[in-house]
Amino acid sequence: MTEDYKRKLINYFKKNLTKGYTADSLRFALMSQGYSRAVVESAIEQANKELAKKAPVIKEKPVIKYEIIDEYNKPIRIHQPWWKRLFGL
């Protein structure tokens, strides 16, 4: 198998995965056209690795804070029982 042949399959997977097709549907389509299972699987793995490199890295999760306010827009503090504070519930 030449590298050009495998590169074409990888590009095919990358293009169609970004369009929204599932890997299973693409795998089934290629194997029904006569491509070997091993070649298709290795091309899918390589395409997923290349797509993962382009994905943005999320550094931290956002912290969501909320508070309950009364009719005068002042925060209301709710005290938890001592046993919930102790066990972190």
N, C-alpha and C. Protein backbone atom coordinates (compact mmCIF):
# COMPACT_ATOMS: atom_id res chain seq x y z
N MET A 1 0.86 -1.18 0.00
CA MET A 1 0.00 0.00 0.00
C MET A 1 0.90 1.25 0.00
N THR A 2 0.64 2.14 -0.90
CA THR A 2 1.46 3.35 -0.98
C THR A 2 0.97 4.38 0.04
N GLU A 3 1.86 5.29 0.34
CA GLU A 3 1.52 6.35 1.30
C GLU A 3 0.47 7.30 0.72
N ASP A 4 0.53 7.51 -0.59
CA ASP A 4 -0.44 8.39 -1.26
C ASP A 4 -1.86 7.82 -1.15
N TYR A 5 -1.97 6.51 -1.29
CA TYR A 5 -3.26 5.82 -1.17
C TYR A 5 -3.85 6.01 0.23
N LYS A 6 -3.02 5.82 1.24
CA LYS A 6 -3.48 5.97 2.62
C LYS A 6 -3.81 7.43 2.92
N ARG A 7 -3.02 8.37 2.40
CA ARG A 7 -3.25 9.79 2.62
C ARG A 7 -4.59 10.22 2.04
N LYS A 8 -4.97 9.67 0.89
CA LYS A 8 -6.27 9.98 0.28
C LYS A 8 -7.41 9.51 1.16
N LEU A 9 -7.27 8.32 1.74
CA LEU A 9 -8.30 7.82 2.65
C LEU A 9 -8.40 8.68 3.91
N ILE A 10 -7.26 9.08 4.45
CA ILE A 10 -7.25 9.93 5.65
C ILE A 10 -7.92 11.26 5.36
N ASN A 11 -7.60 11.86 4.23
CA ASN A 11 -8.24 13.12 3.86
C ASN A 11 -9.74 12.95 3.64
N TYR A 12 -10.12 11.81 3.06
CA TYR A 12 -11.54 11.51 2.88
C TYR A 12 -12.27 11.47 4.23
N PHE A 13 -11.67 10.80 5.20
CA PHE A 13 -12.28 10.72 6.53
C PHE A 13 -12.33 12.08 7.20
N LYS A 14 -11.26 12.82 7.13
CA LYS A 14 -11.23 14.14 7.78
C LYS A 14 -12.29 15.06 7.19
N LYS A 15 -12.40 15.07 5.87
CA LYS A 15 -13.37 15.94 5.20
C LYS A 15 -14.80 15.57 5.58
N ASN A 16 -15.10 14.27 5.56
CA ASN A 16 -16.47 13.84 5.83
C ASN A 16 -16.83 13.84 7.32
N LEU A 17 -15.85 13.64 8.19
CA LEU A 17 -16.13 13.74 9.62
C LEU A 17 -16.45 15.18 10.01
N THR A 18 -15.76 16.14 9.39
CA THR A 18 -16.06 17.54 9.70
C THR A 18 -17.40 17.96 9.12
N LYS A 19 -17.88 17.26 8.09
CA LYS A 19 -19.20 17.54 7.53
C LYS A 19 -20.31 17.00 8.43
N GLY A 20 -19.99 16.06 9.31
CA GLY A 20 -20.99 15.54 10.24
C GLY A 20 -21.31 14.07 10.05
N TYR A 21 -20.68 13.41 9.10
CA TYR A 21 -20.92 11.97 8.92
C TYR A 21 -20.27 11.21 10.07
N THR A 22 -20.86 10.09 10.44
CA THR A 22 -20.28 9.28 11.50
C THR A 22 -19.19 8.38 10.93
N ALA A 23 -18.28 7.97 11.79
CA ALA A 23 -17.19 7.09 11.36
C ALA A 23 -17.74 5.74 10.93
N ASP A 24 -18.80 5.28 11.58
CA ASP A 24 -19.38 3.99 11.22
C ASP A 24 -19.98 4.01 9.82
N SER A 25 -20.66 5.09 9.47
CA SER A 25 -21.25 5.16 8.14
C SER A 25 -20.17 5.23 7.06
N LEU A 26 -19.10 5.97 7.34
CA LEU A 26 -18.00 6.05 6.38
C LEU A 26 -17.28 4.71 6.26
N ARG A 27 -17.09 4.05 7.38
CA ARG A 27 -16.45 2.73 7.39
C ARG A 27 -17.26 1.74 6.56
N PHE A 28 -18.58 1.72 6.76
CA PHE A 28 -19.44 0.80 6.03
C PHE A 28 -19.42 1.10 4.54
N ALA A 29 -19.44 2.40 4.18
CA ALA A 29 -19.44 2.78 2.76
C ALA A 29 -18.15 2.32 2.07
N LEU A 30 -17.01 2.52 2.72
CA LEU A 30 -15.75 2.13 2.09
C LEU A 30 -15.59 0.62 2.01
N MET A 31 -16.00 -0.10 3.06
CA MET A 31 -15.86 -1.55 3.02
C MET A 31 -16.82 -2.17 2.01
N SER A 32 -17.97 -1.54 1.79
CA SER A 32 -18.88 -2.07 0.78
C SER A 32 -18.36 -1.79 -0.63
N GLN A 33 -17.44 -0.83 -0.76
CA GLN A 33 -16.83 -0.54 -2.05
C GLN A 33 -15.59 -1.40 -2.31
N GLY A 34 -15.19 -2.21 -1.33
CA GLY A 34 -14.10 -3.15 -1.54
C GLY A 34 -12.81 -2.84 -0.81
N TYR A 35 -12.78 -1.79 0.01
CA TYR A 35 -11.58 -1.48 0.77
C TYR A 35 -11.44 -2.47 1.91
N SER A 36 -10.21 -2.80 2.27
CA SER A 36 -10.00 -3.76 3.35
C SER A 36 -10.27 -3.11 4.70
N ARG A 37 -10.68 -3.92 5.65
CA ARG A 37 -11.03 -3.43 6.98
C ARG A 37 -9.81 -2.83 7.69
N ALA A 38 -8.66 -3.46 7.55
CA ALA A 38 -7.46 -2.98 8.25
C ALA A 38 -7.03 -1.61 7.73
N VAL A 39 -7.12 -1.40 6.43
CA VAL A 39 -6.72 -0.12 5.85
C VAL A 39 -7.69 0.97 6.29
N VAL A 40 -8.97 0.65 6.29
CA VAL A 40 -9.99 1.62 6.70
C VAL A 40 -9.83 1.99 8.17
N GLU A 41 -9.59 1.00 9.01
CA GLU A 41 -9.43 1.26 10.46
C GLU A 41 -8.20 2.12 10.73
N SER A 42 -7.09 1.83 10.06
CA SER A 42 -5.88 2.63 10.31
C SER A 42 -6.07 4.05 9.79
N ALA A 43 -6.80 4.23 8.69
CA ALA A 43 -7.05 5.57 8.18
C ALA A 43 -7.96 6.35 9.12
N ILE A 44 -8.95 5.69 9.71
CA ILE A 44 -9.83 6.35 10.68
C ILE A 44 -9.04 6.80 11.90
N GLU A 45 -8.19 5.93 12.41
CA GLU A 45 -7.38 6.28 13.58
C GLU A 45 -6.48 7.47 13.30
N GLN A 46 -5.83 7.47 12.14
CA GLN A 46 -4.93 8.56 11.79
C GLN A 46 -5.70 9.86 11.59
N ALA A 47 -6.88 9.78 10.96
CA ALA A 47 -7.71 10.98 10.76
C ALA A 47 -8.16 11.56 12.09
N ASN A 48 -8.55 10.69 13.02
CA ASN A 48 -8.96 11.17 14.35
C ASN A 48 -7.80 11.82 15.09
N LYS A 49 -6.60 11.27 14.95
CA LYS A 49 -5.43 11.87 15.60
C LYS A 49 -5.14 13.26 15.03
N GLU A 50 -5.23 13.38 13.70
CA GLU A 50 -4.96 14.67 13.07
C GLU A 50 -6.03 15.70 13.41
N LEU A 51 -7.28 15.27 13.49
CA LEU A 51 -8.35 16.19 13.87
C LEU A 51 -8.23 16.61 15.33
N ALA A 52 -7.75 15.70 16.17
CA ALA A 52 -7.59 16.02 17.60
C ALA A 52 -6.49 17.05 17.81
N LYS A 53 -5.48 17.05 16.97
CA LYS A 53 -4.40 18.03 17.09
C LYS A 53 -4.90 19.44 16.79
N LYS A 54 -5.90 19.56 15.90
CA LYS A 54 -6.42 20.87 15.52
C LYS A 54 -7.46 21.40 16.50
N ALA A 55 -7.99 20.54 17.35
CA ALA A 55 -9.03 20.95 18.29
C ALA A 55 -8.45 21.91 19.34
N PRO A 56 -9.20 22.93 19.72
CA PRO A 56 -8.69 23.86 20.73
C PRO A 56 -8.62 23.19 22.10
N VAL A 57 -7.62 23.56 22.86
CA VAL A 57 -7.42 23.01 24.20
C VAL A 57 -8.12 23.92 25.20
N ILE A 58 -9.01 23.34 25.98
CA ILE A 58 -9.72 24.09 27.01
C ILE A 58 -8.88 24.03 28.27
N LYS A 59 -8.47 25.20 28.74
CA LYS A 59 -7.55 25.24 29.87
C LYS A 59 -8.25 25.08 31.21
N GLU A 60 -9.41 25.67 31.35
CA GLU A 60 -10.11 25.56 32.64
C GLU A 60 -11.60 25.61 32.41
N LYS A 61 -12.30 25.04 33.34
CA LYS A 61 -13.76 25.05 33.26
C LYS A 61 -14.29 26.34 33.89
N PRO A 62 -15.36 26.87 33.35
CA PRO A 62 -15.92 28.08 33.97
C PRO A 62 -16.58 27.75 35.30
N VAL A 63 -16.50 28.68 36.22
CA VAL A 63 -17.10 28.51 37.54
C VAL A 63 -18.43 29.25 37.54
N ILE A 64 -19.47 28.53 37.84
CA ILE A 64 -20.80 29.14 37.86
C ILE A 64 -21.17 29.43 39.30
N LYS A 65 -21.42 30.69 39.58
CA LYS A 65 -21.82 31.10 40.91
C LYS A 65 -23.23 31.65 40.85
N TYR A 66 -23.97 31.40 41.88
CA TYR A 66 -25.32 31.93 41.93
C TYR A 66 -25.62 32.35 43.36
N GLU A 67 -26.56 33.27 43.47
CA GLU A 67 -26.98 33.71 44.79
C GLU A 67 -28.47 34.02 44.74
N ILE A 68 -29.09 33.90 45.88
CA ILE A 68 -30.51 34.20 46.00
C ILE A 68 -30.63 35.61 46.57
N ILE A 69 -31.46 36.40 45.90
CA ILE A 69 -31.63 37.78 46.37
C ILE A 69 -33.07 38.01 46.77
N ASP A 70 -33.27 38.94 47.70
CA ASP A 70 -34.63 39.25 48.14
C ASP A 70 -35.22 40.35 47.27
N GLU A 71 -36.39 40.84 47.65
CA GLU A 71 -37.06 41.85 46.83
C GLU A 71 -36.34 43.19 46.81
N TYR A 72 -35.37 43.40 47.72
CA TYR A 72 -34.59 44.64 47.76
C TYR A 72 -33.22 44.47 47.11
N ASN A 73 -33.03 43.41 46.36
CA ASN A 73 -31.78 43.09 45.67
C ASN A 73 -30.59 42.90 46.62
N LYS A 74 -30.87 42.38 47.80
CA LYS A 74 -29.81 42.04 48.74
C LYS A 74 -29.69 40.52 48.80
N PRO A 75 -28.47 40.02 48.82
CA PRO A 75 -28.31 38.56 48.84
C PRO A 75 -28.80 37.93 50.14
N ILE A 76 -29.43 36.78 50.00
CA ILE A 76 -29.91 36.02 51.15
C ILE A 76 -28.91 34.89 51.38
N ARG A 77 -28.46 34.76 52.60
CA ARG A 77 -27.49 33.73 52.94
C ARG A 77 -28.23 32.54 53.55
N ILE A 78 -28.04 31.39 52.98
CA ILE A 78 -28.68 30.18 53.48
C ILE A 78 -27.64 29.38 54.25
N HIS A 79 -27.93 29.10 55.49
CA HIS A 79 -27.02 28.35 56.34
C HIS A 79 -27.34 26.87 56.25
N GLN A 80 -26.32 26.09 55.99
CA GLN A 80 -26.50 24.65 55.93
C GLN A 80 -26.34 24.07 57.33
N PRO A 81 -27.01 22.97 57.60
CA PRO A 81 -26.81 22.31 58.89
C PRO A 81 -25.35 21.87 59.04
N TRP A 82 -24.93 21.71 60.28
CA TRP A 82 -23.53 21.40 60.54
C TRP A 82 -23.11 20.09 59.92
N TRP A 83 -24.01 19.10 59.82
CA TRP A 83 -23.63 17.81 59.29
C TRP A 83 -23.44 17.87 57.76
N LYS A 84 -24.15 18.75 57.07
CA LYS A 84 -23.93 18.91 55.63
C LYS A 84 -22.60 19.62 55.36
N ARG A 85 -22.26 20.57 56.20
CA ARG A 85 -20.97 21.24 56.04
C ARG A 85 -19.83 20.28 56.34
N LEU A 86 -20.02 19.40 57.32
CA LEU A 86 -19.00 18.44 57.70
C LEU A 86 -18.73 17.44 56.59
N PHE A 87 -19.80 16.90 55.98
CA PHE A 87 -19.63 15.89 54.94
C PHE A 87 -19.58 16.46 53.53
N GLY A 88 -19.73 17.77 53.39
CA GLY A 88 -19.63 18.40 52.09
C GLY A 88 -20.83 18.14 51.19
N LEU A 89 -21.98 17.96 51.75
CA LEU A 89 -23.18 17.71 50.95
C LEU A 89 -23.87 18.98 50.58
